[in-house]
């Protein structure tokens, strides 16, 4: 879980924290960037809502593997088409997919047989928060030095190892 969250946070954190600034650097207004972030978050809410049910039917591991595979692909497509209107479609899909892993991990943690489920959930939430915060610091620092477009491109590759960590999750 730690590895998955660390690597997938490269994509999630870069979009969530820096999308309006990135789009502004691409020639769009900050108002447009804020609207794009709202659309991304709304799509993420829909993805989070549906992901739990989907993981109940398909299984936690297959759902997380699918999310880990689709996230870098959708990020790459969003970057590739960032100066065209089609980028909004990829941004919607990216929000739907990448934010969906949260409820799936919560369900995965709750599936663990333990006498202290609340404590285990607290550990997961702490790891999730720390991975996002650490990756956000790294992305912010790198974004200042090499530019947000380059860090967005780099986040695609940083996110790829999440696939291996998702595959390494136990079936149950």
Protein backbone atom coordinates (compact mmCIF):
# COMPACT_ATOMS: atom_id res chain seq x y z
CA UNK A 1 0.00 0.00 0.00
CA UNK A 2 2.87 2.35 0.92
CA UNK A 3 4.60 1.91 -2.45
CA UNK A 4 1.41 2.21 -4.46
CA UNK A 5 0.38 5.39 -2.67
CA UNK A 6 3.82 6.95 -3.03
CA UNK A 7 4.06 6.46 -6.78
CA UNK A 8 0.45 7.17 -7.69
CA UNK A 9 0.68 10.35 -5.60
CA UNK A 10 3.03 11.79 -8.22
CA UNK A 11 0.14 12.01 -10.64
CA UNK A 12 -2.61 12.77 -8.14
CA UNK A 13 -0.67 15.50 -6.31
CA UNK A 14 0.59 17.22 -9.44
CA UNK A 15 -2.90 17.50 -10.89
CA UNK A 16 -4.69 18.37 -7.67
CA UNK A 17 -2.28 21.05 -6.48
CA UNK A 18 -0.92 22.55 -9.67
CA UNK A 19 -3.58 22.16 -12.40
CA UNK A 20 -4.67 25.84 -12.52
CA UNK A 21 -1.04 26.99 -12.61
CA UNK A 22 -0.16 24.41 -15.27
CA UNK A 23 -3.06 25.47 -17.47
CA UNK A 24 -2.14 29.13 -16.92
CA UNK A 25 1.37 28.34 -18.17
CA UNK A 26 -0.29 26.73 -21.22
CA UNK A 27 -2.00 30.04 -22.01
CA UNK A 28 -5.33 29.50 -20.28
CA UNK A 29 -6.77 31.86 -17.67
CA UNK A 30 -6.65 31.06 -13.97
CA UNK A 31 -10.45 31.06 -14.04
CA UNK A 32 -10.34 28.33 -16.67
CA UNK A 33 -7.79 26.46 -14.55
CA UNK A 34 -10.03 26.67 -11.51
CA UNK A 35 -12.99 25.42 -13.54
CA UNK A 36 -10.86 22.55 -14.86
CA UNK A 37 -9.86 21.62 -11.31
CA UNK A 38 -13.52 21.65 -10.28
CA UNK A 39 -14.40 19.35 -13.18
CA UNK A 40 -11.51 17.04 -12.26
CA UNK A 41 -12.64 16.90 -8.62
CA UNK A 42 -16.27 16.34 -9.58
CA UNK A 43 -15.25 13.46 -11.84
CA UNK A 44 -13.13 12.16 -8.96
CA UNK A 45 -16.13 12.24 -6.64
CA UNK A 46 -18.11 10.19 -9.16
CA UNK A 47 -15.19 7.75 -9.49
CA UNK A 48 -14.85 7.44 -5.73
CA UNK A 49 -18.58 6.82 -5.43
CA UNK A 50 -18.56 4.02 -8.01
CA UNK A 51 -15.17 2.46 -7.23
CA UNK A 52 -16.25 0.79 -4.02
CA UNK A 53 -19.12 -1.01 -5.72
CA UNK A 54 -16.88 -1.92 -8.64
CA UNK A 55 -14.23 -3.35 -6.33
CA UNK A 56 -16.91 -5.36 -4.51
CA UNK A 57 -17.84 -7.00 -7.81
CA UNK A 58 -14.43 -7.31 -9.50
CA UNK A 59 -12.19 -7.53 -6.45
CA UNK A 60 -9.91 -4.99 -4.79
CA UNK A 61 -6.70 -6.05 -6.51
CA UNK A 62 -8.04 -6.05 -10.12
CA UNK A 63 -9.63 -2.64 -9.51
CA UNK A 64 -6.39 -1.17 -8.15
CA UNK A 65 -4.32 -2.72 -10.96
CA UNK A 66 -6.69 -1.18 -13.51
CA UNK A 67 -6.46 2.22 -11.80
CA UNK A 68 -2.65 1.96 -11.66
CA UNK A 69 -2.48 1.16 -15.39
CA UNK A 70 -5.00 3.78 -16.53
CA UNK A 71 -3.69 6.67 -14.41
CA UNK A 72 -0.31 7.16 -16.17
CA UNK A 73 -1.92 6.59 -19.58
CA UNK A 74 -4.61 9.20 -18.96
CA UNK A 75 -2.04 11.62 -17.52
CA UNK A 76 0.08 11.19 -20.64
CA UNK A 77 -2.93 11.80 -22.89
CA UNK A 78 -3.95 14.85 -20.88
CA UNK A 79 -0.45 16.34 -21.22
CA UNK A 80 -0.19 15.44 -24.90
CA UNK A 81 -3.44 17.20 -25.73
CA UNK A 82 -3.27 19.94 -23.07
CA UNK A 83 -3.53 22.71 -25.65
CA UNK A 84 -6.66 21.26 -27.25
CA UNK A 85 -10.26 20.96 -26.05
CA UNK A 86 -10.02 17.12 -26.01
CA UNK A 87 -7.73 17.44 -22.98
CA UNK A 88 -10.85 18.07 -20.90
CA UNK A 89 -12.08 14.56 -21.71
CA UNK A 90 -8.79 13.06 -20.52
CA UNK A 91 -8.87 15.25 -17.42
CA UNK A 92 -12.38 14.00 -16.60
CA UNK A 93 -11.33 10.39 -17.05
CA UNK A 94 -8.15 10.95 -15.03
CA UNK A 95 -10.13 12.44 -12.15
CA UNK A 96 -12.64 9.60 -12.30
CA UNK A 97 -9.90 6.96 -12.22
CA UNK A 98 -7.17 8.27 -9.96
CA UNK A 99 -9.33 9.46 -7.08
CA UNK A 100 -11.22 6.14 -7.17
CA UNK A 101 -8.34 4.31 -5.50
CA UNK A 102 -9.08 5.94 -2.12
CA UNK A 103 -12.33 4.09 -1.35
CA UNK A 104 -10.90 0.85 -2.73
CA UNK A 105 -7.96 1.06 -0.34
CA UNK A 106 -10.29 1.89 2.54
CA UNK A 107 -12.30 -1.23 1.72
CA UNK A 108 -9.08 -3.24 1.39
CA UNK A 109 -7.94 -2.09 4.82
CA UNK A 110 -11.34 -2.85 6.32
CA UNK A 111 -11.20 -6.37 4.83
CA UNK A 112 -8.20 -7.17 7.05
CA UNK A 113 -9.24 -9.34 9.99
CA UNK A 114 -8.07 -7.48 13.08
CA UNK A 115 -9.17 -6.65 16.58
CA UNK A 116 -8.42 -2.95 15.96
CA UNK A 117 -9.94 -1.92 12.60
CA UNK A 118 -10.06 1.78 13.52
CA UNK A 119 -6.33 1.78 14.35
CA UNK A 120 -5.53 0.03 11.06
CA UNK A 121 -7.65 2.57 9.21
CA UNK A 122 -5.75 5.35 10.99
CA UNK A 123 -2.45 3.87 9.85
CA UNK A 124 -3.70 3.77 6.25
CA UNK A 125 -4.94 7.37 6.43
CA UNK A 126 -1.61 8.51 7.89
CA UNK A 127 0.37 6.76 5.15
CA UNK A 128 -1.94 8.19 2.48
CA UNK A 129 -1.55 11.71 3.86
CA UNK A 130 2.23 11.44 4.25
CA UNK A 131 2.76 10.03 0.76
CA UNK A 132 0.70 12.82 -0.75
CA UNK A 133 2.48 15.49 1.29
CA UNK A 134 5.97 14.18 0.51
CA UNK A 135 5.21 13.85 -3.19
CA UNK A 136 3.64 17.32 -3.22
CA UNK A 137 6.84 18.83 -1.81
CA UNK A 138 8.94 17.00 -4.40
CA UNK A 139 6.69 18.01 -7.27
CA UNK A 140 6.54 21.62 -6.12
CA UNK A 141 10.33 21.87 -5.82
CA UNK A 142 10.93 20.17 -9.15
CA UNK A 143 8.17 22.17 -10.80
CA UNK A 144 9.90 25.39 -9.76
CA UNK A 145 13.24 24.23 -11.11
CA UNK A 146 12.34 22.37 -14.33
CA UNK A 147 8.83 23.66 -15.06
CA UNK A 148 5.39 22.17 -14.52
CA UNK A 149 5.13 20.70 -18.02
CA UNK A 150 8.32 18.73 -17.44
CA UNK A 151 7.24 17.60 -13.98
CA UNK A 152 3.85 16.55 -15.39
CA UNK A 153 5.67 14.46 -17.99
CA UNK A 154 7.95 13.05 -15.29
CA UNK A 155 4.98 12.21 -13.05
CA UNK A 156 3.74 9.80 -15.73
CA UNK A 157 6.93 7.76 -15.33
CA UNK A 158 7.03 8.16 -11.55
CA UNK A 159 3.48 6.75 -11.42
CA UNK A 160 4.35 3.58 -13.37
CA UNK A 161 5.82 1.58 -10.44
CA UNK A 162 2.39 1.75 -8.79
CA UNK A 163 1.38 -0.99 -11.24
CA UNK A 164 3.94 -3.37 -9.73
CA UNK A 165 2.82 -2.56 -6.20
CA UNK A 166 -0.82 -3.13 -7.18
CA UNK A 167 0.11 -6.48 -8.69
CA UNK A 168 1.95 -7.40 -5.48
CA UNK A 169 -1.17 -6.95 -3.34
CA UNK A 170 -2.55 -10.20 -1.99
CA UNK A 171 -5.73 -11.53 -3.59
CA UNK A 172 -7.58 -11.41 -0.28
